[in-house]
Amino acid sequence: MLALLTVLIAILFWFLPDVSVETVLCTAIAAGCLAIIVPFEAREPPARKRVLAACVVYVGLIGGALAFALQGIADHVAPMGALVALAAAGLALVLWSFGIRNRVSRPQWRDYYDR
């Protein structure tokens, strides 16, 4: 869902004249990082660590897009607000994925996950 929202915001940024191409590219690549991990289930800890890595890369790229936007936009609040909201959602994903990265499935308890 966040990947789709990020793609839609990147498309919107493409049509705004005040947003730089670097901001659009960073936002689109960040959406790709999340879209790569979406179709796969992460039942084992190594897969969850890959999800954590993708979320960290997402936040880094959104931070880069925010840095590019800060250089180019002087008084437009809407693109900055969208990027800050994406960064906050990405940070929430990083914290969540960090919390579940080492959980182990208990098959005898119908997929109960234990630390």
C-alpha atoms as a PDB file:
ATOM      1  CA  MET A   1       0.000   0.000   0.000  1.00  0.00           C
ATOM      2  CA  LEU A   2       2.806   2.397   0.888  1.00  0.00           C
ATOM      3  CA  ALA A   3       4.636   1.443  -2.316  1.00  0.00           C
ATOM      4  CA  LEU A   4       1.555   2.255  -4.381  1.00  0.00           C
ATOM      5  CA  LEU A   5       1.068   5.557  -2.552  1.00  0.00           C
ATOM      6  CA  THR A   6       4.724   6.408  -3.148  1.00  0.00           C
ATOM      7  CA  VAL A   7       4.364   5.680  -6.875  1.00  0.00           C
ATOM      8  CA  LEU A   8       1.295   7.907  -7.054  1.00  0.00           C
ATOM      9  CA  ILE A   9       3.132  10.724  -5.280  1.00  0.00           C
ATOM     10  CA  ALA A  10       6.119  10.295  -7.627  1.00  0.00           C
ATOM     11  CA  ILE A  11       3.774  10.583 -10.614  1.00  0.00           C
ATOM     12  CA  LEU A  12       2.220  13.691  -9.097  1.00  0.00           C
ATOM     13  CA  PHE A  13       5.680  15.162  -8.512  1.00  0.00           C
ATOM     14  CA  TRP A  14       6.524  14.550 -12.170  1.00  0.00           C
ATOM     15  CA  PHE A  15       3.766  16.939 -13.209  1.00  0.00           C
ATOM     16  CA  LEU A  16       4.578  19.644 -10.661  1.00  0.00           C
ATOM     17  CA  PRO A  17       6.925  22.215 -12.194  1.00  0.00           C
ATOM     18  CA  ASP A  18       8.650  23.110  -8.921  1.00  0.00           C
ATOM     19  CA  VAL A  19       9.827  19.585  -8.015  1.00  0.00           C
ATOM     20  CA  SER A  20      13.244  18.546  -9.327  1.00  0.00           C
ATOM     21  CA  VAL A  21      13.884  15.411 -11.360  1.00  0.00           C
ATOM     22  CA  GLU A  22      16.184  14.075  -8.618  1.00  0.00           C
ATOM     23  CA  THR A  23      13.314  14.193  -6.136  1.00  0.00           C
ATOM     24  CA  VAL A  24      11.057  12.291  -8.519  1.00  0.00           C
ATOM     25  CA  LEU A  25      13.738   9.653  -9.212  1.00  0.00           C
ATOM     26  CA  CYS A  26      14.522   9.105  -5.525  1.00  0.00           C
ATOM     27  CA  THR A  27      10.819   8.753  -4.759  1.00  0.00           C
ATOM     28  CA  ALA A  28      10.256   6.315  -7.631  1.00  0.00           C
ATOM     29  CA  ILE A  29      13.267   4.163  -6.690  1.00  0.00           C
ATOM     30  CA  ALA A  30      12.095   4.120  -3.065  1.00  0.00           C
ATOM     31  CA  ALA A  31       8.710   2.850  -4.234  1.00  0.00           C
ATOM     32  CA  GLY A  32      10.500   0.136  -6.196  1.00  0.00           C
ATOM     33  CA  CYS A  33      12.373  -0.978  -3.075  1.00  0.00           C
ATOM     34  CA  LEU A  34       9.098  -1.614  -1.272  1.00  0.00           C
ATOM     35  CA  ALA A  35       7.381  -3.093  -4.322  1.00  0.00           C
ATOM     36  CA  ILE A  36      10.090  -5.754  -4.627  1.00  0.00           C
ATOM     37  CA  ILE A  37       9.339  -7.260  -1.211  1.00  0.00           C
ATOM     38  CA  VAL A  38       5.537  -6.983  -1.293  1.00  0.00           C
ATOM     39  CA  PRO A  39       4.603 -10.256  -3.077  1.00  0.00           C
ATOM     40  CA  PHE A  40       6.658 -12.520  -0.804  1.00  0.00           C
ATOM     41  CA  GLU A  41       5.773 -13.844   2.635  1.00  0.00           C
ATOM     42  CA  ALA A  42       8.467 -13.386   5.254  1.00  0.00           C
ATOM     43  CA  ARG A  43       8.025 -16.399   7.517  1.00  0.00           C
ATOM     44  CA  GLU A  44      11.703 -16.999   8.343  1.00  0.00           C
ATOM     45  CA  PRO A  45      14.093 -14.572  10.073  1.00  0.00           C
ATOM     46  CA  PRO A  46      16.377 -14.138   7.008  1.00  0.00           C
ATOM     47  CA  ALA A  47      13.380 -13.052   4.939  1.00  0.00           C
ATOM     48  CA  ARG A  48      12.343 -10.632   7.676  1.00  0.00           C
ATOM     49  CA  LYS A  49      15.837  -9.164   7.687  1.00  0.00           C
ATOM     50  CA  ARG A  50      15.500  -8.561   3.937  1.00  0.00           C
ATOM     51  CA  VAL A  51      12.241  -6.717   4.650  1.00  0.00           C
ATOM     52  CA  LEU A  52      14.076  -4.638   7.262  1.00  0.00           C
ATOM     53  CA  ALA A  53      16.836  -3.829   4.762  1.00  0.00           C
ATOM     54  CA  ALA A  54      14.290  -2.780   2.115  1.00  0.00           C
ATOM     55  CA  CYS A  55      12.508  -0.533   4.623  1.00  0.00           C
ATOM     56  CA  VAL A  56      15.799   1.091   5.662  1.00  0.00           C
ATOM     57  CA  VAL A  57      16.702   1.711   2.005  1.00  0.00           C
ATOM     58  CA  TYR A  58      13.213   3.164   1.464  1.00  0.00           C
ATOM     59  CA  VAL A  59      13.645   5.631   4.322  1.00  0.00           C
ATOM     60  CA  GLY A  60      17.117   6.543   3.068  1.00  0.00           C
ATOM     61  CA  LEU A  61      15.863   7.248  -0.442  1.00  0.00           C
ATOM     62  CA  ILE A  62      12.907   9.269   0.817  1.00  0.00           C
ATOM     63  CA  GLY A  63      15.381  11.202   2.968  1.00  0.00           C
ATOM     64  CA  GLY A  64      17.456  11.839  -0.154  1.00  0.00           C
ATOM     65  CA  ALA A  65      14.357  13.015  -2.006  1.00  0.00           C
ATOM     66  CA  LEU A  66      13.583  15.294   0.921  1.00  0.00           C
ATOM     67  CA  ALA A  67      17.113  16.713   0.771  1.00  0.00           C
ATOM     68  CA  PHE A  68      16.781  17.375  -2.960  1.00  0.00           C
ATOM     69  CA  ALA A  69      13.383  18.963  -2.403  1.00  0.00           C
ATOM     70  CA  LEU A  70      14.779  21.226   0.311  1.00  0.00           C
ATOM     71  CA  GLN A  71      17.337  22.550  -2.156  1.00  0.00           C
ATOM     72  CA  GLY A  72      14.837  23.281  -4.889  1.00  0.00           C
ATOM     73  CA  ILE A  73      11.609  24.320  -3.216  1.00  0.00           C
ATOM     74  CA  ALA A  74      11.536  27.633  -1.405  1.00  0.00           C
ATOM     75  CA  ASP A  75       7.938  28.202  -0.356  1.00  0.00           C
ATOM     76  CA  HIS A  76       5.870  25.215  -1.504  1.00  0.00           C
ATOM     77  CA  VAL A  77       4.629  23.161   1.410  1.00  0.00           C
ATOM     78  CA  ALA A  78       2.653  20.386  -0.335  1.00  0.00           C
ATOM     79  CA  PRO A  79       5.599  18.386  -1.761  1.00  0.00           C
ATOM     80  CA  MET A  80       7.502  18.708   1.508  1.00  0.00           C
ATOM     81  CA  GLY A  81       4.484  17.562   3.515  1.00  0.00           C
ATOM     82  CA  ALA A  82       4.029  14.529   1.263  1.00  0.00           C
ATOM     83  CA  LEU A  83       7.697  13.579   1.589  1.00  0.00           C
ATOM     84  CA  VAL A  84       7.664  14.016   5.366  1.00  0.00           C
ATOM     85  CA  ALA A  85       4.542  11.843   5.596  1.00  0.00           C
ATOM     86  CA  LEU A  86       6.216   9.153   3.452  1.00  0.00           C
ATOM     87  CA  ALA A  87       9.341   9.319   5.608  1.00  0.00           C
ATOM     88  CA  ALA A  88       7.259   8.976   8.796  1.00  0.00           C
ATOM     89  CA  ALA A  89       5.397   5.964   7.388  1.00  0.00           C
ATOM     90  CA  GLY A  90       8.696   4.429   6.279  1.00  0.00           C
ATOM     91  CA  LEU A  91      10.186   4.984   9.713  1.00  0.00           C
ATOM     92  CA  ALA A  92       7.181   3.229  11.255  1.00  0.00           C
ATOM     93  CA  LEU A  93       7.811   0.289   8.900  1.00  0.00           C
ATOM     94  CA  VAL A  94      11.480   0.207   9.903  1.00  0.00           C
ATOM     95  CA  LEU A  95      10.596   0.115  13.594  1.00  0.00           C
ATOM     96  CA  TRP A  96       7.981  -2.596  13.034  1.00  0.00           C
ATOM     97  CA  SER A  97      10.280  -4.747  10.894  1.00  0.00           C
ATOM     98  CA  PHE A  98      13.116  -4.294  13.402  1.00  0.00           C
ATOM     99  CA  GLY A  99      10.825  -5.597  16.131  1.00  0.00           C
ATOM    100  CA  ILE A 100       9.839  -8.763  14.265  1.00  0.00           C
ATOM    101  CA  ARG A 101      13.133  -9.597  12.563  1.00  0.00           C
ATOM    102  CA  ASN A 102      14.077 -12.528  14.865  1.00  0.00           C
ATOM    103  CA  ARG A 103      10.689 -14.119  15.515  1.00  0.00           C
ATOM    104  CA  VAL A 104      10.524 -17.873  15.005  1.00  0.00           C
ATOM    105  CA  SER A 105       7.407 -19.761  13.917  1.00  0.00           C
ATOM    106  CA  ARG A 106       5.942 -22.399  16.247  1.00  0.00           C
ATOM    107  CA  PRO A 107       4.201 -24.815  13.863  1.00  0.00           C
ATOM    108  CA  GLN A 108       2.645 -26.850  16.658  1.00  0.00           C
ATOM    109  CA  TRP A 109       0.749 -23.708  17.735  1.00  0.00           C
ATOM    110  CA  ARG A 110      -0.686 -22.885  14.290  1.00  0.00           C
ATOM    111  CA  ASP A 111       1.856 -20.300  13.153  1.00  0.00           C
ATOM    112  CA  TYR A 112       2.289 -18.609  16.493  1.00  0.00           C
ATOM    113  CA  TYR A 113       5.463 -16.546  16.410  1.00  0.00           C
ATOM    114  CA  ASP A 114       7.764 -16.529  19.407  1.00  0.00           C
ATOM    115  CA  ARG A 115      10.906 -14.541  20.053  1.00  0.00           C
END
